Amino acid sequence: MYPELVTFQVPEFLTRILKTQEVTIYTYAFCIVLGTLIASLYTKWRAKKDLGIIELPNAFFYIVFIAGFVGGNYFII
């Protein structure tokens, strides 16, 4: 697996804000975000199907994302 997924140049008007010329997206971080997104969508689908919950608050998905990120980093150590 490649540690760096993609590196791209930042547009010139964003260079002053970000204080960098290029941005690198790492494979590990991308996989964590992708897995958390899939888990959130699956949770929403199962909540509708099994429990009849029509709408989940956004705070629920923020908590899922933070828990996935922290848990993913915790088990690396």
N, C-alpha and C. Protein backbone atom coordinates (compact mmCIF):
# COMPACT_ATOMS: atom_id res chain seq x y z
N MET A 1 0.84 -1.17 0.00
CA MET A 1 0.00 0.00 0.00
C MET A 1 0.89 1.24 0.00
N TYR A 2 0.45 2.24 -0.71
CA TYR A 2 1.19 3.49 -0.77
C TYR A 2 0.81 4.38 0.40
N PRO A 3 1.80 4.94 1.12
CA PRO A 3 1.47 5.80 2.26
C PRO A 3 0.82 7.12 1.84
N GLU A 4 1.17 7.61 0.66
CA GLU A 4 0.57 8.85 0.16
C GLU A 4 -0.35 8.50 -1.00
N LEU A 5 -1.62 8.86 -0.86
CA LEU A 5 -2.59 8.56 -1.89
C LEU A 5 -2.47 9.52 -3.06
N VAL A 6 -2.45 10.81 -2.76
CA VAL A 6 -2.34 11.83 -3.81
C VAL A 6 -1.75 13.11 -3.23
N THR A 7 -0.99 13.80 -4.04
CA THR A 7 -0.44 15.11 -3.69
C THR A 7 -0.82 16.08 -4.81
N PHE A 8 -1.35 17.24 -4.43
CA PHE A 8 -1.72 18.21 -5.45
C PHE A 8 -1.34 19.62 -5.02
N GLN A 9 -1.17 20.48 -6.00
CA GLN A 9 -0.79 21.87 -5.76
C GLN A 9 -2.02 22.67 -5.32
N VAL A 10 -1.82 23.56 -4.37
CA VAL A 10 -2.88 24.42 -3.88
C VAL A 10 -2.97 25.64 -4.80
N PRO A 11 -4.19 26.08 -5.14
CA PRO A 11 -4.30 27.30 -5.94
C PRO A 11 -3.66 28.48 -5.22
N GLU A 12 -3.19 29.43 -5.98
CA GLU A 12 -2.40 30.53 -5.43
C GLU A 12 -3.15 31.36 -4.39
N PHE A 13 -4.47 31.54 -4.57
CA PHE A 13 -5.22 32.36 -3.61
C PHE A 13 -5.39 31.64 -2.26
N LEU A 14 -5.26 30.33 -2.22
CA LEU A 14 -5.35 29.59 -0.97
C LEU A 14 -3.99 29.41 -0.29
N THR A 15 -2.93 29.69 -1.02
CA THR A 15 -1.59 29.52 -0.48
C THR A 15 -1.37 30.41 0.74
N ARG A 16 -1.88 31.64 0.69
CA ARG A 16 -1.70 32.55 1.83
C ARG A 16 -2.49 32.09 3.05
N ILE A 17 -3.66 31.49 2.83
CA ILE A 17 -4.49 31.04 3.95
C ILE A 17 -3.91 29.77 4.57
N LEU A 18 -3.57 28.79 3.74
CA LEU A 18 -3.08 27.50 4.23
C LEU A 18 -1.58 27.50 4.54
N LYS A 19 -0.88 28.49 4.01
CA LYS A 19 0.57 28.62 4.21
C LYS A 19 1.33 27.39 3.74
N THR A 20 0.90 26.83 2.63
CA THR A 20 1.59 25.69 2.04
C THR A 20 1.35 25.70 0.53
N GLN A 21 2.27 25.11 -0.21
CA GLN A 21 2.18 25.07 -1.66
C GLN A 21 1.46 23.82 -2.16
N GLU A 22 1.54 22.73 -1.42
CA GLU A 22 0.88 21.50 -1.86
C GLU A 22 0.25 20.77 -0.68
N VAL A 23 -0.76 19.96 -0.99
CA VAL A 23 -1.49 19.20 0.01
C VAL A 23 -1.34 17.72 -0.31
N THR A 24 -1.09 16.92 0.71
CA THR A 24 -0.95 15.48 0.55
C THR A 24 -2.08 14.79 1.30
N ILE A 25 -2.76 13.88 0.62
CA ILE A 25 -3.80 13.07 1.25
C ILE A 25 -3.20 11.69 1.46
N TYR A 26 -3.15 11.27 2.71
CA TYR A 26 -2.56 9.99 3.06
C TYR A 26 -3.59 8.87 2.98
N THR A 27 -3.15 7.69 2.61
CA THR A 27 -4.03 6.55 2.41
C THR A 27 -4.74 6.17 3.70
N TYR A 28 -4.03 6.17 4.81
CA TYR A 28 -4.62 5.77 6.09
C TYR A 28 -5.77 6.70 6.47
N ALA A 29 -5.57 8.00 6.37
CA ALA A 29 -6.61 8.96 6.70
C ALA A 29 -7.80 8.83 5.76
N PHE A 30 -7.54 8.60 4.48
CA PHE A 30 -8.61 8.42 3.51
C PHE A 30 -9.45 7.19 3.84
N CYS A 31 -8.80 6.10 4.22
CA CYS A 31 -9.52 4.87 4.58
C CYS A 31 -10.35 5.05 5.84
N ILE A 32 -9.87 5.81 6.80
CA ILE A 32 -10.65 6.09 8.01
C ILE A 32 -11.89 6.88 7.67
N VAL A 33 -11.73 7.91 6.85
CA VAL A 33 -12.88 8.74 6.46
C VAL A 33 -13.88 7.92 5.65
N LEU A 34 -13.40 7.13 4.73
CA LEU A 34 -14.28 6.30 3.91
C LEU A 34 -15.03 5.27 4.76
N GLY A 35 -14.34 4.61 5.67
CA GLY A 35 -14.97 3.63 6.55
C GLY A 35 -16.01 4.26 7.46
N THR A 36 -15.72 5.44 7.98
CA THR A 36 -16.67 6.13 8.84
C THR A 36 -17.90 6.56 8.07
N LEU A 37 -17.70 7.03 6.86
CA LEU A 37 -18.83 7.43 6.02
C LEU A 37 -19.73 6.23 5.71
N ILE A 38 -19.14 5.12 5.36
CA ILE A 38 -19.92 3.91 5.08
C ILE A 38 -20.64 3.43 6.34
N ALA A 39 -19.98 3.48 7.49
CA ALA A 39 -20.62 3.09 8.75
C ALA A 39 -21.80 4.00 9.09
N SER A 40 -21.66 5.29 8.84
CA SER A 40 -22.74 6.23 9.11
C SER A 40 -23.94 5.97 8.21
N LEU A 41 -23.68 5.75 6.93
CA LEU A 41 -24.77 5.47 6.00
C LEU A 41 -25.46 4.15 6.33
N TYR A 42 -24.68 3.15 6.71
CA TYR A 42 -25.25 1.86 7.10
C TYR A 42 -26.11 2.01 8.36
N THR A 43 -25.63 2.77 9.33
CA THR A 43 -26.37 2.99 10.56
C THR A 43 -27.69 3.69 10.28
N LYS A 44 -27.65 4.69 9.42
CA LYS A 44 -28.87 5.42 9.07
C LYS A 44 -29.86 4.49 8.37
N TRP A 45 -29.37 3.66 7.48
CA TRP A 45 -30.23 2.73 6.74
C TRP A 45 -30.89 1.72 7.70
N ARG A 46 -30.07 1.16 8.62
CA ARG A 46 -30.60 0.17 9.56
C ARG A 46 -31.58 0.81 10.56
N ALA A 47 -31.33 2.05 10.96
CA ALA A 47 -32.24 2.74 11.88
C ALA A 47 -33.59 2.96 11.21
N LYS A 48 -33.60 3.30 9.94
CA LYS A 48 -34.86 3.45 9.22
C LYS A 48 -35.57 2.12 9.06
N LYS A 49 -34.82 1.09 8.70
CA LYS A 49 -35.41 -0.21 8.40
C LYS A 49 -35.91 -0.92 9.65
N ASP A 50 -35.08 -1.01 10.68
CA ASP A 50 -35.42 -1.82 11.86
C ASP A 50 -36.18 -1.04 12.93
N LEU A 51 -35.80 0.19 13.18
CA LEU A 51 -36.37 0.94 14.29
C LEU A 51 -37.44 1.95 13.87
N GLY A 52 -37.52 2.23 12.58
CA GLY A 52 -38.50 3.19 12.10
C GLY A 52 -38.12 4.63 12.38
N ILE A 53 -36.86 4.88 12.68
CA ILE A 53 -36.39 6.25 12.92
C ILE A 53 -36.21 6.92 11.56
N ILE A 54 -36.95 7.97 11.33
CA ILE A 54 -36.92 8.62 10.02
C ILE A 54 -35.69 9.51 9.88
N GLU A 55 -35.36 10.24 10.93
CA GLU A 55 -34.26 11.20 10.82
C GLU A 55 -33.36 11.13 12.06
N LEU A 56 -32.07 10.98 11.84
CA LEU A 56 -31.10 11.01 12.93
C LEU A 56 -30.44 12.39 12.95
N PRO A 57 -30.16 12.92 14.14
CA PRO A 57 -29.51 14.24 14.19
C PRO A 57 -28.07 14.18 13.67
N ASN A 58 -27.58 15.30 13.15
CA ASN A 58 -26.21 15.37 12.64
C ASN A 58 -25.18 15.13 13.73
N ALA A 59 -25.50 15.48 14.95
CA ALA A 59 -24.55 15.27 16.05
C ALA A 59 -24.21 13.80 16.20
N PHE A 60 -25.15 12.92 15.89
CA PHE A 60 -24.89 11.49 15.96
C PHE A 60 -23.76 11.10 15.01
N PHE A 61 -23.79 11.62 13.81
CA PHE A 61 -22.77 11.27 12.82
C PHE A 61 -21.43 11.91 13.15
N TYR A 62 -21.44 13.08 13.76
CA TYR A 62 -20.18 13.69 14.21
C TYR A 62 -19.53 12.81 15.28
N ILE A 63 -20.34 12.29 16.18
CA ILE A 63 -19.82 11.42 17.24
C ILE A 63 -19.27 10.13 16.63
N VAL A 64 -19.97 9.58 15.65
CA VAL A 64 -19.50 8.36 14.98
C VAL A 64 -18.16 8.62 14.30
N PHE A 65 -18.04 9.77 13.62
CA PHE A 65 -16.79 10.09 12.93
C PHE A 65 -15.64 10.24 13.93
N ILE A 66 -15.86 10.97 15.00
CA ILE A 66 -14.80 11.19 15.99
C ILE A 66 -14.41 9.87 16.65
N ALA A 67 -15.41 9.04 16.98
CA ALA A 67 -15.12 7.74 17.60
C ALA A 67 -14.33 6.85 16.64
N GLY A 68 -14.68 6.87 15.36
CA GLY A 68 -13.95 6.07 14.38
C GLY A 68 -12.52 6.54 14.21
N PHE A 69 -12.32 7.84 14.19
CA PHE A 69 -10.98 8.38 14.02
C PHE A 69 -10.11 8.09 15.24
N VAL A 70 -10.65 8.34 16.42
CA VAL A 70 -9.89 8.09 17.65
C VAL A 70 -9.62 6.60 17.81
N GLY A 71 -10.64 5.77 17.57
CA GLY A 71 -10.46 4.33 17.68
C GLY A 71 -9.44 3.81 16.68
N GLY A 72 -9.46 4.34 15.46
CA GLY A 72 -8.50 3.93 14.45
C GLY A 72 -7.07 4.30 14.84
N ASN A 73 -6.89 5.46 15.40
CA ASN A 73 -5.56 5.87 15.83
C ASN A 73 -5.13 5.15 17.11
N TYR A 74 -6.07 4.83 17.97
CA TYR A 74 -5.75 4.16 19.23
C TYR A 74 -5.21 2.76 18.99
N PHE A 75 -5.80 2.04 18.05
CA PHE A 75 -5.39 0.66 17.82
C PHE A 75 -4.11 0.55 17.00
N ILE A 76 -3.63 1.64 16.43
CA ILE A 76 -2.35 1.64 15.72
C ILE A 76 -1.21 1.58 16.73
N ILE A 77 -1.38 2.26 17.85
CA ILE A 77 -0.34 2.34 18.87
C ILE A 77 -0.19 1.08 19.55
